[in-house]
Amino acid sequence: MDPRIEDHAEVIVDHSVDVRPDDEVIVSGHPVAEDLVAAIVRLCGKRGANVTTTLRTSQVSAAYKRAIDVDDISLSEVSLAMVEAADVYIGISADTNTHESGDIDPDKNAAMAQANKPIQETYLNKRWVGTQYPAPGNAQDAEMSTATYESFVWDAINKDWAAVREHQQQLVDLLDPAKEVRIVSGDTTDIRMSIAGNPAQNDYAERNLPGGEVFTAPVPNSVNGEVVFDKPLMAQGREIQDVRLRFEGGEVIEHAAAKNEDVLAAVLDTDAGARRLGELGIGMNRDIDQFSYNMLFDEKMGDTVHMALGRAYEDTVGEDNEQNESAVHMDMIVDMSDQSRIEVDGEVIQRDGRFQFEAGFEADWRSPSLSGRSPR
């Protein structure tokens, strides 16, 4: 077995979810990730935990969605009971065909997300982690050979997460006392939001693996302005390009996309919370140095910001603030590597991808990009 798989499993079991004796652990993964699943359950066994493994493939999911009538979609009580009984949930993404569900009716996908909301809410209150196995289908999406993609994935995952935590804490310390954040990128994005009273979270691979971001939640009714997400995203097996959203009073009042706008519209119509932002995240993992059509990685990429329509994570919402509720959580990315800035209470804390606590930061808006990289 590739030793990088063993390292990956150790990060999951020891760092991300801290498996303990007698834990009930669910490991859900694609058959192509069998080596990683085996390495994980072997470590769980050594720690005296109980393990249940489940098959999770886009082919199986798509087959079910094609067959069922939208009016028959409902919550699986068995699936809910299994997650309720678990202490730990480990989800491993891997694909042989990432477009397998591309022909599913977007409204059916939205209904499925709504029905499964209680399951999502339950496992989010467990010790959980989602990660990626470098499968051939994902390598194709990233336009890499399988070997190159393996190195890309494991370089981003198998690292010193204690050092990452220390570095990212500098951004947390800037955001925690803040009231307002403004994101500006070129002449297409200028958006403001309040984060007053909402804590910033330091993602150093405890729940998402790889980690490498700092994130919080906007106050739901505070978002105003326009944003163009210039990186594409995969949603419901389809690629959505150049999403443009205009917010007033926290809600999307105008939307457009250059490709698959109907999927975007279906997501926005899922429920009331789907028209509001549930997350503001800032990517800081510079080992993720190219776009890969995989949001688990792309949202962590250095020199980017991402915002998510829909559900806010409970730990990013202050005690006296409203938590945005939704069955969806759809991340979208803005490239911040050129002619871009993040302001916190009027102070520029990042310009062209460089933070004020990093070498090369320049506070003068008129100066050229000092990011050291050409725009992605």
Protein backbone atom coordinates (compact mmCIF):
# COMPACT_ATOMS: atom_id res chain seq x y z
CA MET A 1 0.00 0.00 0.00
CA ASP A 2 1.18 3.52 -0.81
CA PRO A 3 2.54 4.95 2.48
CA ARG A 4 0.74 8.22 1.74
CA ILE A 5 -2.56 6.35 2.19
CA GLU A 6 -1.43 5.22 5.64
CA ASP A 7 -0.49 8.81 6.47
CA HIS A 8 -3.89 10.00 5.22
CA ALA A 9 -5.66 7.45 7.44
CA GLU A 10 -3.63 8.49 10.49
CA VAL A 11 -4.52 12.16 9.99
CA ILE A 12 -8.21 11.19 9.83
CA VAL A 13 -8.28 8.82 12.81
CA ASP A 14 -5.81 10.58 15.12
CA HIS A 15 -6.27 14.25 14.23
CA SER A 16 -9.57 14.92 12.48
CA VAL A 17 -12.00 12.78 14.52
CA ASP A 18 -9.87 11.36 17.35
CA VAL A 19 -11.30 7.84 17.34
CA ARG A 20 -11.59 6.39 20.86
CA PRO A 21 -12.29 2.96 22.40
CA ASP A 22 -15.92 1.85 22.02
CA ASP A 23 -16.73 4.62 19.54
CA GLU A 24 -19.38 3.77 16.95
CA VAL A 25 -17.77 4.81 13.67
CA ILE A 26 -19.41 5.07 10.25
CA VAL A 27 -16.98 5.00 7.31
CA SER A 28 -18.68 5.83 4.01
CA GLY A 29 -16.73 5.63 0.79
CA HIS A 30 -16.56 4.64 -2.86
CA PRO A 31 -15.14 1.18 -3.72
CA VAL A 32 -12.28 2.86 -5.59
CA ALA A 33 -11.13 4.18 -2.18
CA GLU A 34 -10.94 0.68 -0.71
CA ASP A 35 -7.28 1.01 0.34
CA LEU A 36 -8.01 4.16 2.36
CA VAL A 37 -11.14 2.62 3.90
CA ALA A 38 -9.11 -0.45 4.88
CA ALA A 39 -6.37 1.68 6.44
CA ILE A 40 -8.95 3.67 8.42
CA VAL A 41 -10.86 0.66 9.77
CA ARG A 42 -7.57 -1.04 10.70
CA LEU A 43 -6.60 1.94 12.84
CA CYS A 44 -10.13 2.08 14.33
CA GLY A 45 -9.82 -1.59 15.24
CA LYS A 46 -6.51 -1.00 16.98
CA ARG A 47 -8.22 1.68 19.06
CA GLY A 48 -11.07 -0.64 20.07
CA ALA A 49 -13.79 1.17 18.12
CA ASN A 50 -16.79 -0.42 16.38
CA VAL A 51 -16.95 0.25 12.64
CA THR A 52 -19.78 0.20 10.10
CA THR A 53 -18.87 0.72 6.45
CA THR A 54 -21.33 1.92 3.81
CA LEU A 55 -21.17 2.13 0.02
CA ARG A 56 -21.42 5.64 -1.36
CA THR A 57 -21.19 6.13 -5.11
CA SER A 58 -22.64 8.69 -7.49
CA GLN A 59 -23.79 5.81 -9.72
CA VAL A 60 -25.90 4.25 -6.96
CA SER A 61 -27.32 7.60 -5.87
CA ALA A 62 -28.17 8.61 -9.44
CA ALA A 63 -29.89 5.29 -10.13
CA TYR A 64 -32.18 5.82 -7.16
CA LYS A 65 -32.96 9.44 -8.06
CA ARG A 66 -33.85 8.50 -11.63
CA ALA A 67 -36.23 5.81 -10.43
CA ILE A 68 -38.14 7.57 -7.69
CA ASP A 69 -40.98 10.01 -8.29
CA VAL A 70 -40.36 13.43 -6.77
CA ASP A 71 -43.59 13.13 -4.75
CA ASP A 72 -42.32 9.91 -3.14
CA ILE A 73 -39.07 11.42 -1.83
CA SER A 74 -38.96 11.35 1.95
CA LEU A 75 -36.56 10.99 4.86
CA SER A 76 -34.94 7.56 5.27
CA GLU A 77 -35.61 6.70 8.91
CA VAL A 78 -33.05 3.88 8.78
CA SER A 79 -30.30 6.23 7.60
CA LEU A 80 -31.23 8.76 10.25
CA ALA A 81 -31.21 6.14 13.01
CA MET A 82 -27.78 4.90 11.95
CA VAL A 83 -26.28 8.40 12.07
CA GLU A 84 -27.99 9.10 15.40
CA ALA A 85 -26.36 6.00 16.89
CA ALA A 86 -22.87 6.93 15.67
CA ASP A 87 -20.17 8.83 17.54
CA VAL A 88 -18.02 9.45 14.46
CA TYR A 89 -18.82 9.89 10.75
CA ILE A 90 -16.05 9.65 8.11
CA GLY A 91 -17.08 10.44 4.54
CA ILE A 92 -14.65 9.66 1.70
CA SER A 93 -15.34 11.23 -1.68
CA ALA A 94 -14.09 9.48 -4.81
CA ASP A 95 -15.54 9.20 -8.30
CA THR A 96 -15.16 7.29 -11.50
CA ASN A 97 -17.58 9.73 -13.17
CA THR A 98 -18.30 13.06 -11.47
CA HIS A 99 -21.08 13.83 -13.96
CA GLU A 100 -23.07 10.67 -13.20
CA SER A 101 -26.02 12.66 -11.83
CA GLY A 102 -25.88 15.35 -14.52
CA ASP A 103 -29.19 14.27 -16.06
CA ILE A 104 -31.18 14.34 -12.81
CA ASP A 105 -33.96 16.95 -12.61
CA PRO A 106 -32.64 19.84 -10.45
CA ASP A 107 -35.99 20.00 -8.64
CA LYS A 108 -35.63 16.34 -7.69
CA ASN A 109 -32.16 17.01 -6.28
CA ALA A 110 -33.56 19.94 -4.28
CA ALA A 111 -36.34 17.74 -2.89
CA MET A 112 -33.78 15.09 -1.92
CA ALA A 113 -31.67 17.69 -0.11
CA GLN A 114 -34.72 18.92 1.77
CA ALA A 115 -35.76 15.40 2.79
CA ASN A 116 -32.24 14.54 4.02
CA LYS A 117 -31.78 17.73 6.04
CA PRO A 118 -32.32 15.98 9.41
CA ILE A 119 -29.54 13.49 8.56
CA GLN A 120 -27.15 16.34 7.71
CA GLU A 121 -28.02 18.21 10.89
CA THR A 122 -27.45 15.05 12.95
CA TYR A 123 -24.00 14.15 11.66
CA LEU A 124 -22.87 17.78 11.88
CA ASN A 125 -23.29 17.42 15.64
CA LYS A 126 -21.03 14.35 15.71
CA ARG A 127 -17.27 14.10 15.36
CA TRP A 128 -17.13 14.06 11.58
CA VAL A 129 -14.77 14.61 8.68
CA GLY A 130 -15.12 14.67 4.92
CA THR A 131 -12.10 13.91 2.78
CA GLN A 132 -11.04 12.96 -0.74
CA TYR A 133 -9.40 9.88 -2.20
CA PRO A 134 -7.47 10.62 -5.44
CA ALA A 135 -9.66 8.63 -7.82
CA PRO A 136 -9.28 8.64 -11.62
CA GLY A 137 -12.59 10.44 -12.19
CA ASN A 138 -11.52 13.32 -10.00
CA ALA A 139 -8.10 13.41 -11.69
CA GLN A 140 -9.85 13.79 -15.05
CA ASP A 141 -11.90 16.73 -13.77
CA ALA A 142 -8.70 18.36 -12.54
CA GLU A 143 -7.06 17.72 -15.94
CA MET A 144 -4.23 15.81 -14.28
CA SER A 145 -2.79 12.36 -14.64
CA THR A 146 -3.75 10.03 -11.81
CA ALA A 147 -0.20 10.10 -10.45
CA THR A 148 -0.04 13.90 -10.52
CA TYR A 149 -3.44 14.15 -8.87
CA GLU A 150 -2.36 11.74 -6.13
CA SER A 151 0.55 14.03 -5.29
CA PHE A 152 -1.72 17.07 -5.43
CA VAL A 153 -4.21 15.51 -3.00
CA TRP A 154 -1.73 14.09 -0.51
CA ASP A 155 0.49 17.20 -0.51
CA ALA A 156 -2.58 19.18 0.57
CA ILE A 157 -3.60 16.61 3.22
CA ASN A 158 -0.47 15.11 4.78
CA LYS A 159 1.06 18.16 6.46
CA ASP A 160 1.85 19.74 9.81
CA TRP A 161 -1.63 20.84 10.87
CA ALA A 162 -0.41 22.30 14.15
CA ALA A 163 1.72 24.77 12.19
CA VAL A 164 -1.24 25.52 9.91
CA ARG A 165 -3.38 26.24 12.94
CA GLU A 166 -0.85 28.73 14.32
CA HIS A 167 -0.52 30.58 11.00
CA GLN A 168 -4.26 30.81 10.39
CA GLN A 169 -4.97 31.97 13.93
CA GLN A 170 -3.59 35.37 12.90
CA LEU A 171 -6.57 35.81 10.57
CA VAL A 172 -9.00 34.53 13.20
CA ASP A 173 -7.69 37.20 15.56
CA LEU A 174 -8.45 39.88 12.95
CA LEU A 175 -11.98 38.64 12.24
CA ASP A 176 -13.23 37.78 15.73
CA PRO A 177 -13.64 41.37 16.97
CA ALA A 178 -14.79 42.67 13.58
CA LYS A 179 -18.16 44.14 12.73
CA GLU A 180 -18.11 44.42 8.92
CA VAL A 181 -16.28 42.71 6.07
CA ARG A 182 -16.05 44.08 2.55
CA ILE A 183 -14.90 41.99 -0.41
CA VAL A 184 -13.77 43.78 -3.59
CA SER A 185 -12.47 42.07 -6.73
CA GLY A 186 -11.92 43.96 -9.96
CA ASP A 187 -14.98 45.85 -11.19
CA THR A 188 -17.40 42.91 -10.78
CA THR A 189 -17.47 42.24 -7.04
CA ASP A 190 -18.16 44.66 -4.22
CA ILE A 191 -20.08 43.13 -1.35
CA ARG A 192 -20.42 44.00 2.33
CA MET A 193 -21.70 41.96 5.24
CA SER A 194 -21.82 42.13 9.02
CA ILE A 195 -20.11 39.39 11.02
CA ALA A 196 -20.62 41.17 14.35
CA GLY A 197 -20.87 38.67 17.17
CA ASN A 198 -20.17 35.66 14.96
CA PRO A 199 -16.98 33.73 15.76
CA ALA A 200 -14.37 32.91 13.13
CA GLN A 201 -13.35 29.26 12.92
CA ASN A 202 -9.83 28.02 12.22
CA ASP A 203 -10.08 25.03 9.85
CA TYR A 204 -6.94 23.01 10.39
CA ALA A 205 -8.35 19.68 9.11
CA GLU A 206 -10.62 18.69 11.98
CA ARG A 207 -13.76 18.40 9.82
CA ASN A 208 -12.71 19.05 6.26
CA LEU A 209 -9.58 17.28 5.09
CA PRO A 210 -7.69 19.03 3.64
CA GLY A 211 -8.18 22.00 5.89
CA GLY A 212 -6.74 25.41 5.22
CA GLU A 213 -9.35 28.14 5.62
CA VAL A 214 -10.78 30.55 8.13
CA PHE A 215 -14.54 30.90 7.98
CA THR A 216 -17.48 32.54 9.70
CA ALA A 217 -21.13 33.33 9.04
CA PRO A 218 -22.57 36.63 7.86
CA VAL A 219 -25.46 38.08 9.82
CA PRO A 220 -28.24 36.89 7.47
CA ASN A 221 -29.96 40.20 6.70
CA SER A 222 -26.74 42.24 6.45
CA VAL A 223 -25.41 41.22 3.03
CA ASN A 224 -25.54 43.92 0.37
CA GLY A 225 -23.85 44.33 -2.99
CA GLU A 226 -22.91 42.26 -5.99
CA VAL A 227 -20.52 39.36 -6.41
CA VAL A 228 -19.31 37.40 -9.42
CA PHE A 229 -17.97 33.95 -8.63
CA ASP A 230 -15.39 33.61 -11.37
CA LYS A 231 -14.45 30.03 -10.59
CA PRO A 232 -16.85 27.33 -11.83
CA LEU A 233 -18.45 24.82 -9.49
CA MET A 234 -20.03 21.40 -9.75
CA ALA A 235 -23.59 21.14 -8.41
CA GLN A 236 -25.95 18.21 -8.94
CA GLY A 237 -23.50 16.71 -11.43
CA ARG A 238 -23.44 19.83 -13.62
CA GLU A 239 -20.94 22.62 -14.07
CA ILE A 240 -22.17 26.11 -13.24
CA GLN A 241 -20.07 28.98 -14.57
CA ASP A 242 -19.78 32.68 -13.74
CA VAL A 243 -22.47 32.92 -11.10
CA ARG A 244 -23.57 36.51 -10.48
CA LEU A 245 -25.62 37.34 -7.40
CA ARG A 246 -26.97 40.67 -6.22
CA PHE A 247 -27.97 40.98 -2.57
CA GLU A 248 -30.22 43.46 -0.81
CA GLY A 249 -31.06 43.14 2.86
CA GLY A 250 -29.35 39.76 2.94
CA GLU A 251 -31.37 38.12 0.13
CA VAL A 252 -30.53 37.34 -3.47
CA ILE A 253 -32.70 39.65 -5.57
CA GLU A 254 -30.98 39.01 -8.92
CA HIS A 255 -29.08 36.00 -10.19
CA ALA A 256 -27.46 34.83 -13.38
CA ALA A 257 -25.00 32.21 -14.60
CA ALA A 258 -23.25 31.73 -17.93
CA LYS A 259 -23.88 27.96 -17.82
CA ASN A 260 -26.62 25.85 -16.17
CA GLU A 261 -28.49 28.80 -14.71
CA ASP A 262 -31.48 26.47 -14.20
CA VAL A 263 -29.49 24.49 -11.61
CA LEU A 264 -28.61 27.71 -9.79
CA ALA A 265 -32.29 28.75 -9.86
CA ALA A 266 -33.38 25.39 -8.43
CA VAL A 267 -30.87 25.71 -5.58
CA LEU A 268 -32.09 29.23 -4.78
CA ASP A 269 -35.69 27.97 -4.70
CA THR A 270 -34.95 25.07 -2.32
CA ASP A 271 -36.17 27.05 0.70
CA ALA A 272 -36.10 30.58 2.11
CA GLY A 273 -32.61 30.17 3.56
CA ALA A 274 -31.13 29.20 0.20
CA ARG A 275 -31.33 32.85 -0.90
CA ARG A 276 -29.10 33.99 1.94
CA LEU A 277 -25.42 33.50 2.67
CA GLY A 278 -24.52 30.99 5.37
CA GLU A 279 -20.73 31.21 5.14
CA LEU A 280 -17.86 33.50 4.33
CA GLY A 281 -14.61 31.56 3.97
CA ILE A 282 -11.06 32.66 3.16
CA GLY A 283 -8.70 30.12 1.57
CA MET A 284 -5.19 29.79 3.04
CA ASN A 285 -3.84 26.40 1.87
CA ARG A 286 -1.13 27.29 -0.64
CA ASP A 287 -0.31 23.63 -1.27
CA ILE A 288 -3.57 23.73 -3.22
CA ASP A 289 -2.02 25.69 -6.04
CA GLN A 290 -4.40 25.03 -8.91
CA PHE A 291 -8.12 24.76 -9.53
CA SER A 292 -9.39 21.15 -9.59
CA TYR A 293 -13.20 21.25 -9.88
CA ASN A 294 -13.39 19.83 -6.37
CA MET A 295 -14.85 22.24 -3.82
CA LEU A 296 -13.28 20.39 -0.89
CA PHE A 297 -9.92 21.56 -2.25
CA ASP A 298 -10.79 24.63 -4.30
CA GLU A 299 -12.40 26.53 -1.42
CA LYS A 300 -9.16 26.19 0.57
CA MET A 301 -6.94 27.45 -2.26
CA GLY A 302 -4.74 30.39 -1.34
CA ASP A 303 -5.72 33.76 -2.84
CA THR A 304 -9.44 32.95 -2.86
CA VAL A 305 -12.61 33.75 -0.97
CA HIS A 306 -15.70 31.59 -0.99
CA MET A 307 -19.27 32.23 0.04
CA ALA A 308 -21.97 29.64 0.55
CA LEU A 309 -25.64 29.96 -0.11
CA GLY A 310 -27.77 28.28 2.53
CA ARG A 311 -27.04 26.66 5.85
CA ALA A 312 -24.76 28.35 8.36
CA TYR A 313 -22.67 26.17 10.63
CA GLU A 314 -23.76 26.41 14.24
CA ASP A 315 -20.26 27.10 15.56
CA THR A 316 -19.99 30.24 13.38
CA VAL A 317 -23.11 31.89 14.81
CA GLY A 318 -22.98 33.92 17.99
CA GLU A 319 -25.33 33.21 20.87
CA ASP A 320 -27.44 36.31 20.21
CA ASN A 321 -27.44 36.06 16.40
CA GLU A 322 -29.72 34.27 13.94
CA GLN A 323 -28.47 31.09 12.29
CA ASN A 324 -29.41 30.83 8.63
CA GLU A 325 -31.28 27.55 8.12
CA SER A 326 -31.46 25.70 4.81
CA ALA A 327 -31.29 22.24 3.31
CA VAL A 328 -28.47 23.40 1.03
CA HIS A 329 -24.96 24.68 1.52
CA MET A 330 -23.45 25.59 -1.85
CA ASP A 331 -19.95 27.09 -1.89
CA MET A 332 -18.81 29.41 -4.67
CA ILE A 333 -15.37 30.93 -5.20
CA VAL A 334 -13.97 34.38 -6.02
CA ASP A 335 -10.38 34.65 -7.26
CA MET A 336 -8.62 37.24 -5.08
CA SER A 337 -5.15 37.06 -6.66
CA ASP A 338 -5.33 40.31 -8.66
CA GLN A 339 -6.89 43.76 -8.13
CA SER A 340 -8.69 42.47 -5.05
CA ARG A 341 -8.88 43.27 -1.37
CA ILE A 342 -10.55 42.27 1.87
CA GLU A 343 -11.44 45.05 4.29
CA VAL A 344 -12.33 44.53 7.93
CA ASP A 345 -14.02 47.55 9.52
CA GLY A 346 -12.47 49.71 6.79
CA GLU A 347 -8.93 48.36 7.20
CA VAL A 348 -7.37 46.40 4.34
CA ILE A 349 -6.23 43.05 5.76
CA GLN A 350 -5.56 41.27 2.45
CA ARG A 351 -4.54 42.57 -0.93
CA ASP A 352 -4.12 40.40 -4.03
CA GLY A 353 -3.99 37.28 -1.89
CA ARG A 354 -1.40 38.50 0.64
CA PHE A 355 -2.42 39.09 4.25
CA GLN A 356 -1.13 41.98 6.33
CA PHE A 357 0.75 39.49 8.54
CA GLU A 358 2.63 38.02 5.54
CA ALA A 359 5.70 39.21 3.67
CA GLY A 360 4.83 41.06 0.48
CA PHE A 361 1.64 42.69 1.77
CA GLU A 362 1.11 46.18 0.38
CA ALA A 363 -1.67 48.37 1.75
CA ASP A 364 -1.62 50.87 -1.14
CA TRP A 365 -4.45 50.05 -3.57
CA ARG A 366 -2.58 51.73 -6.41
CA SER A 367 0.42 49.40 -6.20
CA PRO A 368 0.75 46.39 -8.50
CA SER A 369 -0.02 42.87 -7.30
CA LEU A 370 2.68 41.51 -5.03
CA SER A 371 1.15 38.06 -4.72
CA GLY A 372 4.08 36.46 -6.49
CA ARG A 373 1.75 34.50 -8.78
CA SER A 374 -0.08 35.33 -11.93
CA PRO A 375 -3.90 35.39 -11.70
CA ARG A 376 -5.52 31.97 -11.87
